């Protein structure tokens, strides 16, 4: 059995951030991909981003 563990996927994980733009940049840099989906709030500021990961394209929001 291998001792190396790899992230193969998950169902849905959501993290909250005070600065969504900074979080978007950090996760995009860390994951090496751009978000799959973005939504702005009523104030026009970025409110939500979602990345799709793993073999089954699970959600990280």
C-alpha atoms as a PDB file:
ATOM      1  CA  UNK A   1       0.000   0.000   0.000  1.00  0.00           C
ATOM      2  CA  UNK A   2       1.304   3.454  -0.920  1.00  0.00           C
ATOM      3  CA  UNK A   3       2.007   5.961   1.841  1.00  0.00           C
ATOM      4  CA  UNK A   4       1.487   8.880  -0.544  1.00  0.00           C
ATOM      5  CA  UNK A   5      -2.028  10.282  -0.386  1.00  0.00           C
ATOM      6  CA  UNK A   6      -3.515  12.270  -3.228  1.00  0.00           C
ATOM      7  CA  UNK A   7      -6.677  14.356  -3.400  1.00  0.00           C
ATOM      8  CA  UNK A   8      -8.978  12.519  -5.782  1.00  0.00           C
ATOM      9  CA  UNK A   9     -12.172  14.439  -5.083  1.00  0.00           C
ATOM     10  CA  UNK A  10     -14.962  15.203  -2.651  1.00  0.00           C
ATOM     11  CA  UNK A  11     -18.608  16.196  -2.885  1.00  0.00           C
ATOM     12  CA  UNK A  12     -18.808  19.874  -1.955  1.00  0.00           C
ATOM     13  CA  UNK A  13     -16.632  22.029   0.273  1.00  0.00           C
ATOM     14  CA  UNK A  14     -17.454  25.674   0.977  1.00  0.00           C
ATOM     15  CA  UNK A  15     -15.180  28.144   2.722  1.00  0.00           C
ATOM     16  CA  UNK A  16     -16.182  31.672   3.740  1.00  0.00           C
ATOM     17  CA  UNK A  17     -13.792  34.597   3.278  1.00  0.00           C
ATOM     18  CA  UNK A  18     -13.966  38.273   4.184  1.00  0.00           C
ATOM     19  CA  UNK A  19     -12.002  39.133   1.018  1.00  0.00           C
ATOM     20  CA  UNK A  20     -13.378  36.974  -1.797  1.00  0.00           C
ATOM     21  CA  UNK A  21     -11.053  38.512  -4.425  1.00  0.00           C
ATOM     22  CA  UNK A  22      -7.970  37.641  -2.338  1.00  0.00           C
ATOM     23  CA  UNK A  23      -9.325  34.139  -1.695  1.00  0.00           C
ATOM     24  CA  UNK A  24     -10.019  33.663  -5.413  1.00  0.00           C
ATOM     25  CA  UNK A  25      -6.440  34.620  -6.280  1.00  0.00           C
ATOM     26  CA  UNK A  26      -4.959  32.421  -3.541  1.00  0.00           C
ATOM     27  CA  UNK A  27      -6.959  29.333  -4.568  1.00  0.00           C
ATOM     28  CA  UNK A  28      -6.348  29.912  -8.293  1.00  0.00           C
ATOM     29  CA  UNK A  29      -2.593  30.164  -7.645  1.00  0.00           C
ATOM     30  CA  UNK A  30      -2.604  27.168  -5.293  1.00  0.00           C
ATOM     31  CA  UNK A  31      -4.710  24.935  -7.564  1.00  0.00           C
ATOM     32  CA  UNK A  32      -3.267  26.159 -10.871  1.00  0.00           C
ATOM     33  CA  UNK A  33      -6.735  26.703 -12.382  1.00  0.00           C
ATOM     34  CA  UNK A  34      -9.236  29.530 -12.704  1.00  0.00           C
ATOM     35  CA  UNK A  35     -12.702  29.372 -11.092  1.00  0.00           C
ATOM     36  CA  UNK A  36     -15.444  27.523 -12.944  1.00  0.00           C
ATOM     37  CA  UNK A  37     -18.127  29.938 -11.728  1.00  0.00           C
ATOM     38  CA  UNK A  38     -18.252  33.448 -10.231  1.00  0.00           C
ATOM     39  CA  UNK A  39     -21.104  35.548  -8.854  1.00  0.00           C
ATOM     40  CA  UNK A  40     -21.265  39.159  -7.696  1.00  0.00           C
ATOM     41  CA  UNK A  41     -23.459  40.411  -4.869  1.00  0.00           C
ATOM     42  CA  UNK A  42     -26.040  43.175  -5.083  1.00  0.00           C
ATOM     43  CA  UNK A  43     -23.270  45.695  -4.391  1.00  0.00           C
ATOM     44  CA  UNK A  44     -21.394  44.536  -7.513  1.00  0.00           C
ATOM     45  CA  UNK A  45     -18.498  43.057  -5.522  1.00  0.00           C
ATOM     46  CA  UNK A  46     -17.406  39.482  -6.066  1.00  0.00           C
ATOM     47  CA  UNK A  47     -19.377  37.367  -3.582  1.00  0.00           C
ATOM     48  CA  UNK A  48     -18.748  33.735  -4.606  1.00  0.00           C
ATOM     49  CA  UNK A  49     -16.346  31.670  -6.687  1.00  0.00           C
ATOM     50  CA  UNK A  50     -16.383  27.969  -7.402  1.00  0.00           C
ATOM     51  CA  UNK A  51     -13.639  25.660  -8.587  1.00  0.00           C
ATOM     52  CA  UNK A  52     -14.216  22.166  -9.988  1.00  0.00           C
ATOM     53  CA  UNK A  53     -11.674  19.572  -8.866  1.00  0.00           C
ATOM     54  CA  UNK A  54     -10.796  15.919  -9.008  1.00  0.00           C
ATOM     55  CA  UNK A  55     -11.849  13.044 -11.185  1.00  0.00           C
ATOM     56  CA  UNK A  56     -15.540  13.896 -10.836  1.00  0.00           C
ATOM     57  CA  UNK A  57     -15.275  17.700 -10.944  1.00  0.00           C
ATOM     58  CA  UNK A  58     -16.479  18.204  -7.360  1.00  0.00           C
ATOM     59  CA  UNK A  59     -17.112  21.704  -6.025  1.00  0.00           C
ATOM     60  CA  UNK A  60     -14.823  23.902  -3.957  1.00  0.00           C
ATOM     61  CA  UNK A  61     -16.622  27.184  -3.282  1.00  0.00           C
END
